[in-house]
Amino acid sequence: MSKMAGEGDKREAMKRRKWDPQTKASVILQGMRGRAVADICTEHQISQAQYYQWREQFLENLPHVFSKNGRKEKALHRENAHLKKIIGELTLELKKLSEWSA
């Protein structure tokens, strides 16, 4: 039995490509600067649906660029508070030990 033209082996799966954030942003910015989405998608071998998903993510996260209290900063504040608590506890313990030994 022969295969019809265009019929591939169903066991062969198309490999997923991973796109780094820089490339995604570059692709989206090209579209935002007025380049035709169809041309961008053809060049980068992505679907237009993929382009629009990336654009939506890009636009949703844009306010974080200008945010003073981003996730990273909040995490640093939590870690700082935790370390201050530990330093306070150790200082009290050291004070107790120095009073006990005197």
N, C-alpha and C. Protein backbone atom coordinates (compact mmCIF):
# COMPACT_ATOMS: atom_id res chain seq x y z
N MET A 1 0.85 -1.17 0.00
CA MET A 1 0.00 0.00 0.00
C MET A 1 0.89 1.24 0.00
N SER A 2 0.67 2.18 -0.90
CA SER A 2 1.50 3.38 -0.99
C SER A 2 0.81 4.53 -0.27
N LYS A 3 1.64 5.50 0.13
CA LYS A 3 1.11 6.68 0.82
C LYS A 3 0.72 7.73 -0.20
N MET A 4 -0.27 8.50 0.14
CA MET A 4 -0.69 9.60 -0.73
C MET A 4 0.26 10.77 -0.54
N ALA A 5 0.36 11.62 -1.53
CA ALA A 5 1.23 12.80 -1.45
C ALA A 5 0.82 13.66 -0.26
N GLY A 6 1.82 14.10 0.50
CA GLY A 6 1.55 14.96 1.64
C GLY A 6 1.19 14.22 2.91
N GLU A 7 1.06 12.90 2.81
CA GLU A 7 0.69 12.12 3.99
C GLU A 7 1.98 11.71 4.70
N GLY A 8 2.20 12.15 5.92
CA GLY A 8 3.43 11.84 6.64
C GLY A 8 3.22 10.71 7.62
N ASP A 9 4.31 10.23 8.18
CA ASP A 9 4.26 9.20 9.20
C ASP A 9 3.68 9.83 10.46
N LYS A 10 2.60 9.29 10.97
CA LYS A 10 1.92 9.89 12.13
C LYS A 10 2.75 9.80 13.40
N ARG A 11 3.75 8.92 13.38
CA ARG A 11 4.59 8.79 14.58
C ARG A 11 5.59 9.92 14.68
N GLU A 12 5.89 10.57 13.58
CA GLU A 12 6.84 11.67 13.59
C GLU A 12 6.13 12.93 14.08
N ALA A 13 6.54 13.41 15.20
CA ALA A 13 5.93 14.63 15.74
C ALA A 13 6.82 15.82 15.39
N MET A 14 6.18 16.93 15.14
CA MET A 14 6.92 18.14 14.85
C MET A 14 7.58 18.63 16.14
N LYS A 15 8.85 18.97 16.07
CA LYS A 15 9.56 19.43 17.26
C LYS A 15 9.11 20.84 17.61
N ARG A 16 8.86 21.05 18.90
CA ARG A 16 8.49 22.38 19.37
C ARG A 16 9.75 23.20 19.52
N ARG A 17 9.69 24.40 19.03
CA ARG A 17 10.82 25.30 19.20
C ARG A 17 10.58 26.14 20.45
N LYS A 18 11.66 26.47 21.11
CA LYS A 18 11.56 27.34 22.28
C LYS A 18 12.09 28.71 21.88
N TRP A 19 11.33 29.70 22.20
CA TRP A 19 11.68 31.07 21.84
C TRP A 19 12.09 31.82 23.10
N ASP A 20 13.23 32.48 23.04
CA ASP A 20 13.67 33.26 24.20
C ASP A 20 12.90 34.58 24.22
N PRO A 21 12.78 35.19 25.38
CA PRO A 21 11.99 36.42 25.53
C PRO A 21 12.45 37.55 24.60
N GLN A 22 13.76 37.64 24.37
CA GLN A 22 14.29 38.70 23.50
C GLN A 22 13.74 38.56 22.08
N THR A 23 13.73 37.34 21.57
CA THR A 23 13.25 37.10 20.21
C THR A 23 11.76 37.39 20.11
N LYS A 24 11.01 36.93 21.11
CA LYS A 24 9.57 37.19 21.12
C LYS A 24 9.30 38.70 21.09
N ALA A 25 10.00 39.44 21.92
CA ALA A 25 9.81 40.89 21.96
C ALA A 25 10.17 41.52 20.62
N SER A 26 11.24 41.06 20.02
CA SER A 26 11.66 41.58 18.72
C SER A 26 10.59 41.35 17.65
N VAL A 27 10.03 40.14 17.65
CA VAL A 27 8.98 39.81 16.69
C VAL A 27 7.77 40.72 16.90
N ILE A 28 7.36 40.90 18.13
CA ILE A 28 6.19 41.73 18.43
C ILE A 28 6.44 43.19 18.07
N LEU A 29 7.63 43.68 18.38
CA LEU A 29 7.95 45.08 18.08
C LEU A 29 7.93 45.35 16.58
N GLN A 30 8.34 44.37 15.78
CA GLN A 30 8.28 44.53 14.33
C GLN A 30 6.84 44.81 13.89
N GLY A 31 5.91 44.05 14.45
CA GLY A 31 4.50 44.25 14.11
C GLY A 31 3.97 45.58 14.61
N MET A 32 4.40 45.98 15.79
CA MET A 32 3.93 47.23 16.36
C MET A 32 4.50 48.44 15.60
N ARG A 33 5.61 48.23 14.92
CA ARG A 33 6.21 49.30 14.12
C ARG A 33 5.60 49.38 12.72
N GLY A 34 4.62 48.51 12.44
CA GLY A 34 3.89 48.62 11.19
C GLY A 34 4.18 47.56 10.15
N ARG A 35 5.09 46.67 10.43
CA ARG A 35 5.37 45.61 9.45
C ARG A 35 4.18 44.64 9.41
N ALA A 36 3.90 44.10 8.24
CA ALA A 36 2.76 43.20 8.08
C ALA A 36 2.96 41.93 8.91
N VAL A 37 1.94 41.57 9.69
CA VAL A 37 2.00 40.39 10.56
C VAL A 37 2.25 39.13 9.75
N ALA A 38 1.62 39.04 8.59
CA ALA A 38 1.80 37.85 7.74
C ALA A 38 3.27 37.69 7.35
N ASP A 39 3.94 38.79 7.02
CA ASP A 39 5.36 38.73 6.64
C ASP A 39 6.23 38.32 7.83
N ILE A 40 5.93 38.87 8.98
CA ILE A 40 6.70 38.54 10.19
C ILE A 40 6.56 37.05 10.50
N CYS A 41 5.33 36.56 10.44
CA CYS A 41 5.06 35.16 10.76
C CYS A 41 5.74 34.22 9.76
N THR A 42 5.72 34.59 8.50
CA THR A 42 6.38 33.77 7.48
C THR A 42 7.89 33.73 7.73
N GLU A 43 8.47 34.88 8.01
CA GLU A 43 9.91 34.97 8.25
C GLU A 43 10.34 34.12 9.44
N HIS A 44 9.56 34.16 10.51
CA HIS A 44 9.93 33.46 11.74
C HIS A 44 9.30 32.07 11.85
N GLN A 45 8.53 31.71 10.85
CA GLN A 45 7.86 30.41 10.79
C GLN A 45 6.99 30.15 12.02
N ILE A 46 6.15 31.14 12.30
CA ILE A 46 5.16 31.00 13.38
C ILE A 46 3.79 31.30 12.80
N SER A 47 2.77 30.84 13.47
CA SER A 47 1.41 31.12 13.01
C SER A 47 1.00 32.52 13.47
N GLN A 48 0.02 33.06 12.81
CA GLN A 48 -0.47 34.37 13.22
C GLN A 48 -1.10 34.29 14.61
N ALA A 49 -1.71 33.15 14.91
CA ALA A 49 -2.29 32.95 16.24
C ALA A 49 -1.20 33.05 17.31
N GLN A 50 -0.03 32.46 17.02
CA GLN A 50 1.10 32.52 17.96
C GLN A 50 1.55 33.96 18.14
N TYR A 51 1.65 34.69 17.03
CA TYR A 51 2.04 36.11 17.09
C TYR A 51 1.09 36.88 18.01
N TYR A 52 -0.21 36.68 17.80
CA TYR A 52 -1.18 37.44 18.59
C TYR A 52 -1.18 37.02 20.06
N GLN A 53 -0.87 35.76 20.35
CA GLN A 53 -0.72 35.33 21.76
C GLN A 53 0.46 36.04 22.39
N TRP A 54 1.59 36.07 21.69
CA TRP A 54 2.77 36.76 22.21
C TRP A 54 2.49 38.24 22.40
N ARG A 55 1.79 38.85 21.44
CA ARG A 55 1.49 40.27 21.54
C ARG A 55 0.62 40.55 22.76
N GLU A 56 -0.36 39.68 23.00
CA GLU A 56 -1.23 39.85 24.17
C GLU A 56 -0.43 39.75 25.47
N GLN A 57 0.47 38.77 25.54
CA GLN A 57 1.33 38.63 26.73
C GLN A 57 2.21 39.86 26.89
N PHE A 58 2.75 40.32 25.79
CA PHE A 58 3.62 41.50 25.80
C PHE A 58 2.87 42.71 26.36
N LEU A 59 1.68 42.94 25.83
CA LEU A 59 0.90 44.10 26.26
C LEU A 59 0.41 43.97 27.70
N GLU A 60 0.07 42.76 28.13
CA GLU A 60 -0.38 42.56 29.52
C GLU A 60 0.74 42.83 30.51
N ASN A 61 1.98 42.52 30.13
CA ASN A 61 3.10 42.67 31.05
C ASN A 61 3.81 44.01 30.94
N LEU A 62 3.39 44.83 30.01
CA LEU A 62 4.03 46.13 29.82
C LEU A 62 4.00 47.01 31.06
N PRO A 63 2.90 47.07 31.81
CA PRO A 63 2.89 47.92 33.01
C PRO A 63 3.97 47.54 34.04
N HIS A 64 4.40 46.28 34.04
CA HIS A 64 5.42 45.85 35.01
C HIS A 64 6.76 46.52 34.76
N VAL A 65 6.97 46.96 33.53
CA VAL A 65 8.22 47.66 33.20
C VAL A 65 8.32 48.94 34.01
N PHE A 66 7.18 49.58 34.24
CA PHE A 66 7.16 50.86 34.94
C PHE A 66 6.81 50.73 36.42
N SER A 67 6.56 49.53 36.86
CA SER A 67 6.16 49.29 38.24
C SER A 67 7.36 49.35 39.17
N LYS A 68 7.19 50.05 40.28
CA LYS A 68 8.24 50.12 41.27
C LYS A 68 8.21 48.91 42.19
N ASN A 69 7.07 48.27 42.29
CA ASN A 69 6.92 47.13 43.19
C ASN A 69 6.70 45.84 42.40
N GLY A 70 7.63 45.52 41.55
CA GLY A 70 7.54 44.28 40.79
C GLY A 70 7.74 43.09 41.69
N ARG A 71 7.55 41.92 41.15
CA ARG A 71 7.70 40.69 41.93
C ARG A 71 9.09 40.56 42.54
N LYS A 72 10.09 40.91 41.77
CA LYS A 72 11.47 40.78 42.24
C LYS A 72 11.71 41.68 43.46
N GLU A 73 11.22 42.90 43.35
CA GLU A 73 11.40 43.85 44.45
C GLU A 73 10.65 43.39 45.70
N LYS A 74 9.44 42.86 45.53
CA LYS A 74 8.68 42.35 46.67
C LYS A 74 9.40 41.17 47.32
N ALA A 75 9.98 40.31 46.50
CA ALA A 75 10.71 39.16 47.03
C ALA A 75 11.92 39.64 47.82
N LEU A 76 12.59 40.66 47.33
CA LEU A 76 13.75 41.21 48.04
C LEU A 76 13.34 41.84 49.37
N HIS A 77 12.20 42.51 49.39
CA HIS A 77 11.71 43.10 50.65
C HIS A 77 11.38 42.01 51.67
N ARG A 78 10.75 40.93 51.20
CA ARG A 78 10.44 39.81 52.11
C ARG A 78 11.72 39.19 52.67
N GLU A 79 12.70 38.98 51.78
CA GLU A 79 13.96 38.40 52.24
C GLU A 79 14.66 39.34 53.22
N ASN A 80 14.63 40.61 52.94
CA ASN A 80 15.25 41.61 53.82
C ASN A 80 14.60 41.59 55.20
N ALA A 81 13.28 41.54 55.24
CA ALA A 81 12.56 41.50 56.52
C ALA A 81 12.91 40.23 57.29
N HIS A 82 12.99 39.12 56.57
CA HIS A 82 13.34 37.84 57.21
C HIS A 82 14.75 37.91 57.80
N LEU A 83 15.69 38.47 57.06
CA LEU A 83 17.07 38.57 57.55
C LEU A 83 17.16 39.52 58.75
N LYS A 84 16.40 40.61 58.73
CA LYS A 84 16.40 41.53 59.87
C LYS A 84 15.87 40.84 61.12
N LYS A 85 14.86 39.99 60.95
CA LYS A 85 14.30 39.25 62.08
C LYS A 85 15.35 38.31 62.65
N ILE A 86 16.05 37.62 61.78
CA ILE A 86 17.10 36.69 62.23
C ILE A 86 18.20 37.44 62.96
N ILE A 87 18.62 38.59 62.42
CA ILE A 87 19.66 39.40 63.06
C ILE A 87 19.20 39.86 64.44
N GLY A 88 17.94 40.27 64.54
CA GLY A 88 17.39 40.69 65.83
C GLY A 88 17.41 39.56 66.84
N GLU A 89 16.99 38.37 66.42
CA GLU A 89 16.99 37.21 67.32
C GLU A 89 18.40 36.85 67.77
N LEU A 90 19.34 36.88 66.83
CA LEU A 90 20.72 36.55 67.18
C LEU A 90 21.34 37.61 68.10
N THR A 91 20.97 38.86 67.89
CA THR A 91 21.47 39.94 68.75
C THR A 91 20.97 39.75 70.18
N LEU A 92 19.67 39.42 70.32
CA LEU A 92 19.13 39.16 71.66
C LEU A 92 19.81 37.97 72.31
N GLU A 93 20.02 36.92 71.53
CA GLU A 93 20.68 35.73 72.07
C GLU A 93 22.11 36.05 72.51
N LEU A 94 22.82 36.83 71.71
CA LEU A 94 24.18 37.23 72.06
C LEU A 94 24.19 38.09 73.32
N LYS A 95 23.22 38.98 73.47
CA LYS A 95 23.12 39.83 74.64
C LYS A 95 22.86 38.99 75.89
N LYS A 96 21.98 37.99 75.77
CA LYS A 96 21.69 37.11 76.90
C LYS A 96 22.93 36.33 77.31
N LEU A 97 23.67 35.83 76.32
CA LEU A 97 24.88 35.06 76.60
C LEU A 97 25.95 35.93 77.26
N SER A 98 26.08 37.18 76.79
CA SER A 98 27.09 38.05 77.39
C SER A 98 26.71 38.43 78.82
N GLU A 99 25.39 38.60 79.11
CA GLU A 99 24.96 38.89 80.48
C GLU A 99 25.15 37.67 81.36
N TRP A 100 24.91 36.51 80.82
CA TRP A 100 25.04 35.27 81.58
C TRP A 100 26.49 34.98 81.94
N SER A 101 27.40 35.28 81.03
CA SER A 101 28.82 34.98 81.27
C SER A 101 29.49 36.06 82.12
N ALA A 102 28.89 37.22 82.29
CA ALA A 102 29.53 38.32 83.05
C ALA A 102 29.33 38.18 84.52
